[in-house]
Amino acid sequence: MATIIYQKNKCIGCHACVEWAPDRWRISRKDGKSILMGSQLKKKVYVAAINDREVLQNLRAAEKCPLKAIKVCA
């Protein structure tokens, strides 16, 4: 099982994560930034455990994030 680590404070709302992994990411209507679905806030970062079938999509989302706010750890 892998983990996504997301630094929301770096997010500029470009929607790349939503395009590459729509099952895990949404855009907030409140601030226009991404929301990592199923995550918990831990020490100013959002963390979510993902299953093996989600890893590739989220690796692509992390790669496309212009500010590198997303990290996927195996």
N, C-alpha and C. Protein backbone atom coordinates (compact mmCIF):
# COMPACT_ATOMS: atom_id res chain seq x y z
N MET A 1 0.84 -1.18 0.00
CA MET A 1 0.00 0.00 0.00
C MET A 1 0.89 1.24 0.00
N ALA A 2 0.50 2.23 -0.78
CA ALA A 2 1.25 3.48 -0.91
C ALA A 2 0.55 4.61 -0.16
N THR A 3 1.25 5.73 -0.06
CA THR A 3 0.72 6.89 0.65
C THR A 3 0.92 8.14 -0.20
N ILE A 4 -0.08 9.01 -0.20
CA ILE A 4 0.03 10.32 -0.84
C ILE A 4 0.25 11.34 0.26
N ILE A 5 1.22 12.21 0.03
CA ILE A 5 1.46 13.34 0.93
C ILE A 5 1.23 14.61 0.11
N TYR A 6 0.35 15.47 0.61
CA TYR A 6 -0.08 16.65 -0.13
C TYR A 6 0.10 17.91 0.71
N GLN A 7 0.83 18.87 0.17
CA GLN A 7 1.05 20.16 0.84
C GLN A 7 0.11 21.19 0.22
N LYS A 8 -1.05 21.32 0.83
CA LYS A 8 -2.09 22.20 0.28
C LYS A 8 -1.64 23.65 0.19
N ASN A 9 -0.78 24.08 1.09
CA ASN A 9 -0.32 25.47 1.07
C ASN A 9 0.45 25.81 -0.21
N LYS A 10 0.99 24.82 -0.91
CA LYS A 10 1.70 25.05 -2.17
C LYS A 10 0.76 25.06 -3.38
N CYS A 11 -0.44 24.55 -3.23
CA CYS A 11 -1.38 24.37 -4.34
C CYS A 11 -1.80 25.71 -4.95
N ILE A 12 -1.82 25.76 -6.30
CA ILE A 12 -2.29 26.95 -7.00
C ILE A 12 -3.60 26.67 -7.75
N GLY A 13 -4.14 25.47 -7.60
CA GLY A 13 -5.42 25.13 -8.22
C GLY A 13 -5.35 24.95 -9.72
N CYS A 14 -4.31 24.35 -10.23
CA CYS A 14 -4.16 24.18 -11.68
C CYS A 14 -4.99 23.02 -12.24
N HIS A 15 -5.50 22.15 -11.37
CA HIS A 15 -6.38 21.03 -11.72
C HIS A 15 -5.67 19.83 -12.33
N ALA A 16 -4.35 19.82 -12.38
CA ALA A 16 -3.64 18.69 -12.98
C ALA A 16 -3.93 17.39 -12.22
N CYS A 17 -3.98 17.46 -10.91
CA CYS A 17 -4.24 16.25 -10.12
C CYS A 17 -5.63 15.70 -10.39
N VAL A 18 -6.60 16.59 -10.56
CA VAL A 18 -7.98 16.16 -10.83
C VAL A 18 -8.06 15.50 -12.21
N GLU A 19 -7.32 16.02 -13.16
CA GLU A 19 -7.33 15.45 -14.51
C GLU A 19 -6.71 14.05 -14.53
N TRP A 20 -5.63 13.84 -13.77
CA TRP A 20 -4.92 12.56 -13.80
C TRP A 20 -5.46 11.53 -12.83
N ALA A 21 -6.04 11.97 -11.72
CA ALA A 21 -6.55 11.02 -10.71
C ALA A 21 -7.89 11.53 -10.15
N PRO A 22 -8.92 11.55 -10.99
CA PRO A 22 -10.20 12.14 -10.57
C PRO A 22 -10.91 11.39 -9.44
N ASP A 23 -10.57 10.14 -9.21
CA ASP A 23 -11.20 9.40 -8.13
C ASP A 23 -10.68 9.84 -6.76
N ARG A 24 -9.52 10.48 -6.72
CA ARG A 24 -8.89 10.84 -5.45
C ARG A 24 -8.86 12.34 -5.21
N TRP A 25 -8.98 13.15 -6.27
CA TRP A 25 -8.82 14.61 -6.14
C TRP A 25 -10.06 15.37 -6.56
N ARG A 26 -10.34 16.47 -5.88
CA ARG A 26 -11.43 17.39 -6.20
C ARG A 26 -10.90 18.82 -6.04
N ILE A 27 -11.62 19.78 -6.60
CA ILE A 27 -11.28 21.19 -6.42
C ILE A 27 -12.28 21.80 -5.46
N SER A 28 -11.77 22.52 -4.49
CA SER A 28 -12.61 23.18 -3.50
C SER A 28 -13.29 24.39 -4.10
N ARG A 29 -14.58 24.53 -3.88
CA ARG A 29 -15.29 25.73 -4.33
C ARG A 29 -14.96 26.91 -3.42
N LYS A 30 -14.51 26.61 -2.23
CA LYS A 30 -14.20 27.65 -1.25
C LYS A 30 -12.94 28.44 -1.60
N ASP A 31 -11.84 27.73 -1.90
CA ASP A 31 -10.58 28.42 -2.16
C ASP A 31 -9.95 28.09 -3.51
N GLY A 32 -10.55 27.19 -4.28
CA GLY A 32 -10.03 26.85 -5.60
C GLY A 32 -8.84 25.92 -5.60
N LYS A 33 -8.45 25.44 -4.42
CA LYS A 33 -7.32 24.52 -4.31
C LYS A 33 -7.81 23.07 -4.32
N SER A 34 -6.89 22.17 -4.54
CA SER A 34 -7.23 20.75 -4.58
C SER A 34 -7.53 20.20 -3.19
N ILE A 35 -8.40 19.19 -3.19
CA ILE A 35 -8.75 18.46 -1.97
C ILE A 35 -8.35 17.01 -2.21
N LEU A 36 -7.58 16.45 -1.31
CA LEU A 36 -7.20 15.04 -1.37
C LEU A 36 -8.26 14.24 -0.63
N MET A 37 -9.09 13.55 -1.38
CA MET A 37 -10.21 12.81 -0.80
C MET A 37 -9.70 11.65 0.06
N GLY A 38 -10.32 11.48 1.22
CA GLY A 38 -9.96 10.39 2.11
C GLY A 38 -8.68 10.63 2.90
N SER A 39 -8.26 11.89 2.99
CA SER A 39 -7.00 12.20 3.67
C SER A 39 -7.25 12.70 5.10
N GLN A 40 -6.15 12.73 5.85
CA GLN A 40 -6.15 13.29 7.20
C GLN A 40 -5.05 14.33 7.27
N LEU A 41 -5.30 15.39 8.01
CA LEU A 41 -4.31 16.45 8.20
C LEU A 41 -3.36 16.04 9.31
N LYS A 42 -2.06 15.98 8.98
CA LYS A 42 -1.03 15.60 9.94
C LYS A 42 0.16 16.53 9.77
N LYS A 43 0.45 17.31 10.77
CA LYS A 43 1.61 18.22 10.75
C LYS A 43 1.65 19.10 9.50
N LYS A 44 0.54 19.75 9.21
CA LYS A 44 0.40 20.70 8.11
C LYS A 44 0.44 20.09 6.71
N VAL A 45 0.37 18.77 6.60
CA VAL A 45 0.24 18.10 5.30
C VAL A 45 -0.92 17.12 5.36
N TYR A 46 -1.51 16.87 4.23
CA TYR A 46 -2.59 15.89 4.13
C TYR A 46 -2.00 14.56 3.70
N VAL A 47 -2.45 13.49 4.34
CA VAL A 47 -1.91 12.15 4.09
C VAL A 47 -3.07 11.21 3.82
N ALA A 48 -2.93 10.38 2.77
CA ALA A 48 -3.95 9.38 2.45
C ALA A 48 -3.28 8.10 1.99
N ALA A 49 -3.76 6.99 2.50
CA ALA A 49 -3.30 5.68 2.04
C ALA A 49 -4.09 5.32 0.79
N ILE A 50 -3.38 4.80 -0.21
CA ILE A 50 -4.03 4.40 -1.46
C ILE A 50 -3.68 2.96 -1.79
N ASN A 51 -4.57 2.33 -2.56
CA ASN A 51 -4.31 0.94 -2.95
C ASN A 51 -3.46 0.90 -4.22
N ASP A 52 -3.03 -0.27 -4.57
CA ASP A 52 -2.10 -0.45 -5.70
C ASP A 52 -2.65 0.04 -7.03
N ARG A 53 -3.94 -0.06 -7.23
CA ARG A 53 -4.50 0.35 -8.52
C ARG A 53 -4.55 1.88 -8.68
N GLU A 54 -4.40 2.62 -7.58
CA GLU A 54 -4.39 4.08 -7.63
C GLU A 54 -3.00 4.68 -7.78
N VAL A 55 -1.98 3.89 -7.60
CA VAL A 55 -0.62 4.42 -7.55
C VAL A 55 -0.22 5.10 -8.86
N LEU A 56 -0.42 4.46 -9.99
CA LEU A 56 0.03 5.01 -11.27
C LEU A 56 -0.64 6.36 -11.56
N GLN A 57 -1.94 6.44 -11.36
CA GLN A 57 -2.66 7.70 -11.60
C GLN A 57 -2.10 8.81 -10.72
N ASN A 58 -1.87 8.51 -9.45
CA ASN A 58 -1.40 9.54 -8.53
C ASN A 58 0.07 9.88 -8.72
N LEU A 59 0.86 8.94 -9.20
CA LEU A 59 2.24 9.27 -9.59
C LEU A 59 2.23 10.27 -10.75
N ARG A 60 1.33 10.06 -11.69
CA ARG A 60 1.21 11.01 -12.81
C ARG A 60 0.73 12.37 -12.32
N ALA A 61 -0.23 12.37 -11.41
CA ALA A 61 -0.72 13.63 -10.84
C ALA A 61 0.42 14.38 -10.15
N ALA A 62 1.24 13.66 -9.38
CA ALA A 62 2.37 14.27 -8.69
C ALA A 62 3.38 14.83 -9.68
N GLU A 63 3.61 14.09 -10.75
CA GLU A 63 4.57 14.51 -11.79
C GLU A 63 4.09 15.78 -12.49
N LYS A 64 2.79 15.90 -12.71
CA LYS A 64 2.24 17.04 -13.44
C LYS A 64 2.01 18.27 -12.56
N CYS A 65 2.07 18.11 -11.25
CA CYS A 65 1.87 19.25 -10.33
C CYS A 65 3.02 20.24 -10.52
N PRO A 66 2.73 21.47 -10.96
CA PRO A 66 3.80 22.41 -11.26
C PRO A 66 4.60 22.86 -10.03
N LEU A 67 4.01 22.78 -8.85
CA LEU A 67 4.71 23.21 -7.65
C LEU A 67 5.14 22.05 -6.77
N LYS A 68 5.01 20.83 -7.28
CA LYS A 68 5.44 19.62 -6.56
C LYS A 68 4.83 19.54 -5.16
N ALA A 69 3.53 19.83 -5.09
CA ALA A 69 2.81 19.78 -3.80
C ALA A 69 2.38 18.36 -3.43
N ILE A 70 2.53 17.42 -4.38
CA ILE A 70 2.08 16.03 -4.18
C ILE A 70 3.28 15.10 -4.23
N LYS A 71 3.31 14.17 -3.28
CA LYS A 71 4.34 13.13 -3.28
C LYS A 71 3.66 11.79 -3.04
N VAL A 72 4.05 10.77 -3.80
CA VAL A 72 3.53 9.42 -3.61
C VAL A 72 4.68 8.55 -3.10
N CYS A 73 4.49 7.94 -1.94
CA CYS A 73 5.50 7.11 -1.32
C CYS A 73 5.01 5.65 -1.29
N ALA A 74 5.87 4.76 -1.74
CA ALA A 74 5.50 3.33 -1.77
C ALA A 74 5.68 2.69 -0.41
